[in-house]
Amino acid sequence: MTHSLIYVTASDAEEAKDIGRALVEARLAACANVLPQMIPIFWWGGKVEEGSEAVLIAKTRDALVDRVIDFVQTQHSYDCPAVLAIPLRAGHQPFLDWIDEETAGAGKGEIYKG
């Protein structure tokens, strides 16, 4: 199996934590990490803006990426959330095996109800 990290920005750490917990509970991700604060600098409305956000990084199988993206969009407060899949080229095999084990139910539709 192949694996991906899902990078998501959120309005704050609480939203990132809520989405991360929901992904793990649905078995769409084996693990979610929340980085509580970052400063985004971006174009919006024709000008450069700066704000405050949190980052969520979820670990999943490639087979679940589309479901994860759809799920995050339903949970997110933004109209246009950053939800990006980053394929993993390699990793510590026991950890990758753990991702497979913890997300196996979602791939069969047993736990994920989205």
Protein backbone atom coordinates (compact mmCIF):
# COMPACT_ATOMS: atom_id res chain seq x y z
CA MET A 1 0.00 0.00 0.00
CA THR A 2 1.06 3.59 -0.51
CA HIS A 3 0.54 6.47 1.89
CA SER A 4 -0.03 10.22 2.01
CA LEU A 5 0.07 13.11 4.40
CA ILE A 6 -2.94 15.40 4.25
CA TYR A 7 -2.05 19.04 4.92
CA VAL A 8 -4.97 21.19 6.10
CA THR A 9 -5.04 24.76 7.34
CA ALA A 10 -7.74 25.70 9.83
CA SER A 11 -9.00 28.89 11.44
CA ASP A 12 -7.50 27.92 14.81
CA ALA A 13 -6.14 24.99 16.81
CA GLU A 14 -9.58 23.98 18.07
CA GLU A 15 -10.99 23.60 14.56
CA ALA A 16 -7.88 21.66 13.47
CA LYS A 17 -8.21 19.40 16.52
CA ASP A 18 -11.91 18.78 15.88
CA ILE A 19 -11.29 17.85 12.24
CA GLY A 20 -8.28 15.70 13.16
CA ARG A 21 -10.23 13.84 15.85
CA ALA A 22 -13.14 13.25 13.44
CA LEU A 23 -10.76 11.86 10.79
CA VAL A 24 -9.19 9.46 13.28
CA GLU A 25 -12.54 8.39 14.75
CA ALA A 26 -13.83 7.67 11.21
CA ARG A 27 -10.65 5.61 10.56
CA LEU A 28 -9.85 7.84 7.59
CA ALA A 29 -6.52 8.72 9.21
CA ALA A 30 -4.37 6.73 11.60
CA CYS A 31 -3.05 9.88 13.25
CA ALA A 32 -3.53 13.64 13.12
CA ASN A 33 -1.05 16.24 14.30
CA VAL A 34 -2.06 19.82 15.10
CA LEU A 35 0.45 22.63 14.88
CA PRO A 36 -1.42 25.28 16.84
CA GLN A 37 -0.22 28.48 15.26
CA MET A 38 1.20 29.70 11.99
CA ILE A 39 1.10 32.97 10.10
CA PRO A 40 -0.26 32.65 6.56
CA ILE A 41 0.64 35.29 3.97
CA PHE A 42 -1.59 35.04 0.90
CA TRP A 43 -3.40 36.78 -1.94
CA TRP A 44 -7.09 37.43 -1.25
CA GLY A 45 -9.41 39.96 -2.82
CA GLY A 46 -6.65 41.36 -5.01
CA LYS A 47 -4.21 42.14 -2.19
CA VAL A 48 -1.70 40.44 0.06
CA GLU A 49 -3.19 39.47 3.43
CA GLU A 50 -1.71 38.08 6.64
CA GLY A 51 -3.53 36.16 9.33
CA SER A 52 -3.34 33.44 11.95
CA GLU A 53 -4.18 29.77 11.40
CA ALA A 54 -3.41 26.28 12.66
CA VAL A 55 -2.09 23.35 10.62
CA LEU A 56 -3.44 19.80 10.66
CA ILE A 57 -1.36 16.97 9.23
CA ALA A 58 -3.12 13.61 8.89
CA LYS A 59 -1.51 10.29 7.96
CA THR A 60 -3.53 8.00 5.70
CA ARG A 61 -3.45 5.53 2.83
CA ASP A 62 -3.56 6.76 -0.76
CA ALA A 63 -6.77 4.78 -1.28
CA LEU A 64 -8.52 7.07 1.22
CA VAL A 65 -7.26 10.45 0.01
CA ASP A 66 -10.41 11.41 -1.93
CA ARG A 67 -12.60 10.44 1.04
CA VAL A 68 -10.41 12.43 3.41
CA ILE A 69 -10.59 15.52 1.20
CA ASP A 70 -14.39 15.25 0.94
CA PHE A 71 -14.72 14.64 4.69
CA VAL A 72 -12.55 17.64 5.61
CA GLN A 73 -14.59 19.91 3.33
CA THR A 74 -17.79 18.92 5.16
CA GLN A 75 -16.20 19.64 8.56
CA HIS A 76 -14.36 22.86 7.71
CA SER A 77 -15.49 26.44 8.36
CA TYR A 78 -13.80 27.87 5.23
CA ASP A 79 -15.53 28.09 1.86
CA CYS A 80 -12.24 27.18 0.16
CA PRO A 81 -10.08 25.23 2.66
CA ALA A 82 -6.51 24.21 1.85
CA VAL A 83 -6.66 20.41 1.83
CA LEU A 84 -3.62 18.98 0.09
CA ALA A 85 -2.44 15.39 -0.29
CA ILE A 86 1.32 14.88 -0.20
CA PRO A 87 2.35 11.40 -1.35
CA LEU A 88 4.96 9.64 0.77
CA ARG A 89 7.84 8.18 -1.18
CA ALA A 90 9.22 6.14 1.71
CA GLY A 91 8.98 5.73 5.47
CA HIS A 92 9.66 3.54 8.48
CA GLN A 93 7.87 0.34 7.45
CA PRO A 94 6.42 -0.53 10.88
CA PHE A 95 4.85 2.96 11.02
CA LEU A 96 3.43 2.60 7.51
CA ASP A 97 2.05 -0.82 8.48
CA TRP A 98 0.41 0.81 11.51
CA ILE A 99 -1.30 3.37 9.23
CA ASP A 100 -2.63 0.46 7.14
CA GLU A 101 -3.96 -1.35 10.21
CA GLU A 102 -5.64 1.70 11.75
CA THR A 103 -7.38 2.77 8.53
CA ALA A 104 -8.35 -0.69 7.27
CA GLY A 105 -12.00 -0.35 8.35
CA ALA A 106 -12.53 2.85 6.37
CA GLY A 107 -11.38 1.21 3.16
CA LYS A 108 -14.11 -1.41 3.54
CA GLY A 109 -16.79 1.13 4.42
CA GLU A 110 -17.23 -0.46 7.85
CA ILE A 111 -16.62 2.67 9.90
CA TYR A 112 -16.63 5.66 7.54
CA LYS A 113 -20.20 6.87 7.08
CA GLY A 114 -19.48 9.92 4.89
